[in-house]
């Protein structure tokens, strides 16, 4: 399987979008690369601690994705879409490192991390 370069994936992150909410930690990605079909649940770790996929809510253009993506039913992410990840948990304001892993049909797997100040 092919591998998607980290430097390319890092371009998805919307700088300054990390926030602490009553539900957890949220951050935004913007698909500025190409239409994509995510074919596996998105993997997330916060401050090097893996998060159970059931504790990660995914929104595409403010609509929640309720079914985990799979090869049979991939999550279509059009070019220009805004993706919000809400990681359930008790997080504090301040600097956090978030690692995101994705599998994209036709492109392969990749992961990247971002560090930002959560407001």
C-alpha atoms as a PDB file:
ATOM      1  CA  UNK A   1       0.000   0.000   0.000  1.00  0.00           C
ATOM      2  CA  UNK A   2       1.182   3.519  -0.784  1.00  0.00           C
ATOM      3  CA  UNK A   3       2.035   6.076   1.862  1.00  0.00           C
ATOM      4  CA  UNK A   4       0.896   9.711   1.960  1.00  0.00           C
ATOM      5  CA  UNK A   5       3.718  12.110   2.988  1.00  0.00           C
ATOM      6  CA  UNK A   6       3.369  13.904   6.346  1.00  0.00           C
ATOM      7  CA  UNK A   7       4.323  17.262   4.863  1.00  0.00           C
ATOM      8  CA  UNK A   8       1.425  17.027   2.427  1.00  0.00           C
ATOM      9  CA  UNK A   9      -1.074  15.999   5.101  1.00  0.00           C
ATOM     10  CA  UNK A  10       0.020  18.777   7.494  1.00  0.00           C
ATOM     11  CA  UNK A  11      -1.278  21.282   4.945  1.00  0.00           C
ATOM     12  CA  UNK A  12      -4.807  20.131   5.837  1.00  0.00           C
ATOM     13  CA  UNK A  13      -4.698  21.564   9.364  1.00  0.00           C
ATOM     14  CA  UNK A  14      -6.325  24.969   9.886  1.00  0.00           C
ATOM     15  CA  UNK A  15      -3.837  26.781  12.129  1.00  0.00           C
ATOM     16  CA  UNK A  16      -5.368  28.304  15.232  1.00  0.00           C
ATOM     17  CA  UNK A  17      -8.499  26.130  15.054  1.00  0.00           C
ATOM     18  CA  UNK A  18      -7.769  24.001  18.133  1.00  0.00           C
ATOM     19  CA  UNK A  19     -10.242  24.692  20.929  1.00  0.00           C
ATOM     20  CA  UNK A  20     -11.239  23.206  24.254  1.00  0.00           C
ATOM     21  CA  UNK A  21     -15.017  22.750  24.424  1.00  0.00           C
ATOM     22  CA  UNK A  22     -17.375  21.331  27.035  1.00  0.00           C
ATOM     23  CA  UNK A  23     -17.162  17.986  25.175  1.00  0.00           C
ATOM     24  CA  UNK A  24     -13.422  17.844  24.561  1.00  0.00           C
ATOM     25  CA  UNK A  25     -10.814  19.092  22.111  1.00  0.00           C
ATOM     26  CA  UNK A  26     -11.822  20.218  18.630  1.00  0.00           C
ATOM     27  CA  UNK A  27      -9.766  21.096  15.575  1.00  0.00           C
ATOM     28  CA  UNK A  28     -10.399  21.776  11.924  1.00  0.00           C
ATOM     29  CA  UNK A  29      -8.931  20.447   8.707  1.00  0.00           C
ATOM     30  CA  UNK A  30      -9.607  21.824   5.232  1.00  0.00           C
ATOM     31  CA  UNK A  31      -9.324  19.560   2.222  1.00  0.00           C
ATOM     32  CA  UNK A  32      -7.257  21.721  -0.105  1.00  0.00           C
ATOM     33  CA  UNK A  33      -5.530  18.774  -1.795  1.00  0.00           C
ATOM     34  CA  UNK A  34      -7.977  16.611  -3.789  1.00  0.00           C
ATOM     35  CA  UNK A  35     -11.312  14.819  -3.421  1.00  0.00           C
ATOM     36  CA  UNK A  36     -10.765  11.898  -1.064  1.00  0.00           C
ATOM     37  CA  UNK A  37     -12.508   8.723   0.051  1.00  0.00           C
ATOM     38  CA  UNK A  38     -11.471   7.792   3.597  1.00  0.00           C
ATOM     39  CA  UNK A  39     -11.851   4.019   3.905  1.00  0.00           C
ATOM     40  CA  UNK A  40     -11.089   3.391   7.605  1.00  0.00           C
ATOM     41  CA  UNK A  41     -11.842   5.169  10.885  1.00  0.00           C
ATOM     42  CA  UNK A  42      -9.638   8.205  11.493  1.00  0.00           C
ATOM     43  CA  UNK A  43      -7.011   7.506  14.163  1.00  0.00           C
ATOM     44  CA  UNK A  44      -6.262  10.219  16.706  1.00  0.00           C
ATOM     45  CA  UNK A  45      -3.776  10.608  19.557  1.00  0.00           C
ATOM     46  CA  UNK A  46      -3.617  13.634  21.846  1.00  0.00           C
ATOM     47  CA  UNK A  47      -0.298  14.372  23.541  1.00  0.00           C
ATOM     48  CA  UNK A  48       0.936  10.906  22.451  1.00  0.00           C
ATOM     49  CA  UNK A  49      -2.049   9.116  24.068  1.00  0.00           C
ATOM     50  CA  UNK A  50      -4.147   7.133  21.535  1.00  0.00           C
ATOM     51  CA  UNK A  51      -7.863   7.941  21.571  1.00  0.00           C
ATOM     52  CA  UNK A  52     -10.471   5.211  21.110  1.00  0.00           C
ATOM     53  CA  UNK A  53     -12.203   5.799  17.728  1.00  0.00           C
ATOM     54  CA  UNK A  54     -15.573   5.805  19.521  1.00  0.00           C
ATOM     55  CA  UNK A  55     -14.419   8.997  21.282  1.00  0.00           C
ATOM     56  CA  UNK A  56     -13.735  10.882  18.038  1.00  0.00           C
ATOM     57  CA  UNK A  57     -16.656  12.640  16.377  1.00  0.00           C
ATOM     58  CA  UNK A  58     -16.171  13.686  12.744  1.00  0.00           C
ATOM     59  CA  UNK A  59     -18.074  16.469  10.997  1.00  0.00           C
ATOM     60  CA  UNK A  60     -17.899  17.295   7.274  1.00  0.00           C
ATOM     61  CA  UNK A  61     -19.108  20.838   6.557  1.00  0.00           C
ATOM     62  CA  UNK A  62     -20.880  20.844   9.969  1.00  0.00           C
ATOM     63  CA  UNK A  63     -22.722  17.533   9.348  1.00  0.00           C
ATOM     64  CA  UNK A  64     -21.801  14.710  11.693  1.00  0.00           C
ATOM     65  CA  UNK A  65     -20.566  11.463  10.183  1.00  0.00           C
ATOM     66  CA  UNK A  66     -22.409   8.713  12.045  1.00  0.00           C
ATOM     67  CA  UNK A  67     -21.118   5.591  10.299  1.00  0.00           C
ATOM     68  CA  UNK A  68     -17.442   4.612  10.471  1.00  0.00           C
ATOM     69  CA  UNK A  69     -15.876   4.596   6.996  1.00  0.00           C
ATOM     70  CA  UNK A  70     -14.907   1.293   5.367  1.00  0.00           C
ATOM     71  CA  UNK A  71     -13.750  -0.057   1.997  1.00  0.00           C
ATOM     72  CA  UNK A  72     -17.369  -0.870   1.179  1.00  0.00           C
ATOM     73  CA  UNK A  73     -18.693   2.508   2.348  1.00  0.00           C
ATOM     74  CA  UNK A  74     -15.915   5.138   2.291  1.00  0.00           C
ATOM     75  CA  UNK A  75     -16.349   8.652   3.651  1.00  0.00           C
ATOM     76  CA  UNK A  76     -16.337  10.996   0.657  1.00  0.00           C
ATOM     77  CA  UNK A  77     -14.572  14.302   1.354  1.00  0.00           C
ATOM     78  CA  UNK A  78     -14.953  16.754  -1.537  1.00  0.00           C
ATOM     79  CA  UNK A  79     -12.244  19.270  -2.370  1.00  0.00           C
ATOM     80  CA  UNK A  80     -12.716  22.405  -0.272  1.00  0.00           C
ATOM     81  CA  UNK A  81     -14.587  20.624   2.525  1.00  0.00           C
ATOM     82  CA  UNK A  82     -14.040  21.551   6.148  1.00  0.00           C
ATOM     83  CA  UNK A  83     -13.552  18.624   8.524  1.00  0.00           C
ATOM     84  CA  UNK A  84     -14.009  19.118  12.250  1.00  0.00           C
ATOM     85  CA  UNK A  85     -12.649  16.520  14.651  1.00  0.00           C
ATOM     86  CA  UNK A  86     -14.072  16.557  18.169  1.00  0.00           C
ATOM     87  CA  UNK A  87     -12.072  14.397  20.562  1.00  0.00           C
ATOM     88  CA  UNK A  88     -14.201  13.618  23.598  1.00  0.00           C
ATOM     89  CA  UNK A  89     -12.441  13.988  26.913  1.00  0.00           C
ATOM     90  CA  UNK A  90     -11.320  16.371  29.600  1.00  0.00           C
ATOM     91  CA  UNK A  91      -8.660  18.603  28.046  1.00  0.00           C
ATOM     92  CA  UNK A  92      -7.205  21.859  29.299  1.00  0.00           C
ATOM     93  CA  UNK A  93      -6.445  25.035  27.413  1.00  0.00           C
ATOM     94  CA  UNK A  94      -2.851  25.312  26.316  1.00  0.00           C
ATOM     95  CA  UNK A  95      -0.484  23.618  23.909  1.00  0.00           C
ATOM     96  CA  UNK A  96      -1.419  20.147  22.634  1.00  0.00           C
ATOM     97  CA  UNK A  97       0.053  17.773  20.085  1.00  0.00           C
ATOM     98  CA  UNK A  98      -2.538  15.937  18.005  1.00  0.00           C
ATOM     99  CA  UNK A  99      -1.569  13.041  15.735  1.00  0.00           C
ATOM    100  CA  UNK A 100      -4.024  12.089  12.994  1.00  0.00           C
ATOM    101  CA  UNK A 101      -3.879   8.914  10.912  1.00  0.00           C
ATOM    102  CA  UNK A 102      -5.932   8.365   7.767  1.00  0.00           C
ATOM    103  CA  UNK A 103      -6.393   5.748   5.083  1.00  0.00           C
ATOM    104  CA  UNK A 104      -7.504   7.150   1.722  1.00  0.00           C
ATOM    105  CA  UNK A 105      -8.765   4.911  -1.062  1.00  0.00           C
ATOM    106  CA  UNK A 106      -6.421   5.053  -4.041  1.00  0.00           C
ATOM    107  CA  UNK A 107      -3.719   6.993  -2.149  1.00  0.00           C
ATOM    108  CA  UNK A 108      -2.828   4.812   0.834  1.00  0.00           C
ATOM    109  CA  UNK A 109      -2.220   5.519   4.493  1.00  0.00           C
ATOM    110  CA  UNK A 110      -0.590   8.417   6.223  1.00  0.00           C
ATOM    111  CA  UNK A 111      -0.321  10.192   9.527  1.00  0.00           C
ATOM    112  CA  UNK A 112       0.755  13.613  10.664  1.00  0.00           C
ATOM    113  CA  UNK A 113       0.907  15.624  13.838  1.00  0.00           C
ATOM    114  CA  UNK A 114       0.210  19.229  14.647  1.00  0.00           C
ATOM    115  CA  UNK A 115       1.011  21.266  17.720  1.00  0.00           C
ATOM    116  CA  UNK A 116      -1.091  24.267  18.510  1.00  0.00           C
ATOM    117  CA  UNK A 117      -2.410  26.351  21.363  1.00  0.00           C
ATOM    118  CA  UNK A 118      -5.929  25.263  22.320  1.00  0.00           C
ATOM    119  CA  UNK A 119      -8.035  28.215  23.379  1.00  0.00           C
END
